[in-house]
Amino acid sequence: MNGVHLRRLPPFTTLLVQTANSLYRLVITRGPEVYVQGGVFFPDLTSAYVEGSSGGGSLEVDWIGVGLRVQFRSRGYRIVTSPVRVITSQVLPTIVH
């Protein structure tokens, strides 16, 4: 299955996650801890925790998979997206002085 394991990404990696209904921008802070913006529930960049993704069965922890629904936890709420269609990533370059 195509997807991304969040704990394997370096901090400040930016993911663009296109679901059936929305586009989400995730900035990885540490593993599944992210800042997310997009969809109805995240109009502004918001601190969140990605619990994982699921197709309705078991939860794939710390994983965002194409075809699955991402589960976020933020501000005491659990938000579940529509199915993921495409994931793209960008790693910010290291600045050397």
Protein backbone atom coordinates (compact mmCIF):
# COMPACT_ATOMS: atom_id res chain seq x y z
CA MET A 1 0.00 0.00 0.00
CA ASN A 2 1.28 3.49 -0.80
CA GLY A 3 1.69 5.79 2.13
CA VAL A 4 4.04 7.36 4.63
CA HIS A 5 5.18 6.37 8.12
CA LEU A 6 5.27 9.61 10.11
CA ARG A 7 7.95 8.55 12.60
CA ARG A 8 10.43 8.10 9.74
CA LEU A 9 10.12 11.70 8.54
CA PRO A 10 12.51 14.43 9.69
CA PRO A 11 11.07 17.47 11.49
CA PHE A 12 9.77 20.24 9.24
CA THR A 13 8.87 17.84 6.45
CA THR A 14 5.74 19.18 4.79
CA LEU A 15 3.12 16.77 3.48
CA LEU A 16 0.29 17.72 1.18
CA VAL A 17 -2.48 15.19 1.65
CA GLN A 18 -5.27 15.36 -0.93
CA THR A 19 -8.39 13.53 0.19
CA ALA A 20 -11.62 13.01 -1.71
CA ASN A 21 -13.00 16.25 -0.23
CA SER A 22 -10.11 18.43 0.99
CA LEU A 23 -6.44 19.30 0.80
CA TYR A 24 -4.43 19.21 4.04
CA ARG A 25 -0.97 20.63 4.66
CA LEU A 26 0.89 18.86 7.47
CA VAL A 27 4.16 20.10 8.92
CA ILE A 28 5.85 17.33 10.88
CA THR A 29 7.15 18.45 14.26
CA ARG A 30 8.02 15.10 15.84
CA GLY A 31 6.68 11.81 14.55
CA PRO A 32 2.89 11.90 14.52
CA GLU A 33 2.84 15.37 16.12
CA VAL A 34 2.06 17.88 13.38
CA TYR A 35 0.72 21.27 12.51
CA VAL A 36 -2.17 20.84 10.10
CA GLN A 37 -4.14 23.22 7.92
CA GLY A 38 -6.99 22.37 5.58
CA GLY A 39 -10.47 21.00 5.39
CA VAL A 40 -13.39 22.35 7.40
CA PHE A 41 -11.86 21.71 10.82
CA PHE A 42 -8.42 23.25 10.28
CA PRO A 43 -8.84 26.64 8.55
CA ASP A 44 -5.66 27.86 10.29
CA LEU A 45 -2.42 26.05 11.07
CA THR A 46 -3.33 23.98 14.15
CA SER A 47 -1.38 21.66 16.45
CA ALA A 48 -2.60 18.08 16.10
CA TYR A 49 -1.64 14.44 16.57
CA VAL A 50 -2.06 11.97 13.71
CA GLU A 51 -3.38 8.79 15.28
CA GLY A 52 -3.05 6.94 11.98
CA SER A 53 -5.28 5.92 9.12
CA SER A 54 -7.93 3.32 8.54
CA GLY A 55 -10.19 1.94 5.88
CA GLY A 56 -12.86 1.17 8.45
CA GLY A 57 -11.08 -1.75 10.09
CA SER A 58 -7.97 -1.66 12.22
CA LEU A 59 -6.00 1.55 12.64
CA GLU A 60 -2.58 1.78 10.98
CA VAL A 61 -0.81 3.74 13.74
CA ASP A 62 1.45 6.68 12.73
CA TRP A 63 0.72 5.87 9.07
CA ILE A 64 -1.05 7.84 6.35
CA GLY A 65 -2.08 5.53 3.53
CA VAL A 66 -3.57 6.20 0.12
CA GLY A 67 -7.17 5.00 0.09
CA LEU A 68 -7.47 5.26 3.87
CA ARG A 69 -9.03 7.92 6.13
CA VAL A 70 -6.64 9.91 8.33
CA GLN A 71 -7.54 10.26 12.01
CA PHE A 72 -6.40 13.44 13.76
CA ARG A 73 -6.72 14.35 17.43
CA SER A 74 -6.74 18.06 18.17
CA ARG A 75 -8.24 20.31 20.86
CA GLY A 76 -9.99 17.35 22.48
CA TYR A 77 -11.67 16.19 19.25
CA ARG A 78 -11.08 13.32 16.84
CA ILE A 79 -11.35 14.34 13.20
CA VAL A 80 -11.53 11.73 10.44
CA THR A 81 -10.92 12.73 6.82
CA SER A 82 -12.40 11.37 3.63
CA PRO A 83 -10.17 8.78 1.87
CA VAL A 84 -6.68 9.93 0.89
CA ARG A 85 -6.13 10.21 -2.87
CA VAL A 86 -2.55 11.57 -3.11
CA ILE A 87 0.33 12.34 -0.72
CA THR A 88 3.25 14.54 -1.72
CA SER A 89 6.13 15.61 0.49
CA GLN A 90 8.76 18.29 0.74
CA VAL A 91 11.75 18.40 3.06
CA LEU A 92 13.07 21.86 3.81
CA PRO A 93 16.78 22.20 3.07
CA THR A 94 19.23 22.56 5.93
CA ILE A 95 20.60 26.09 6.22
CA VAL A 96 24.33 26.19 6.75
CA HIS A 97 25.97 29.37 8.07
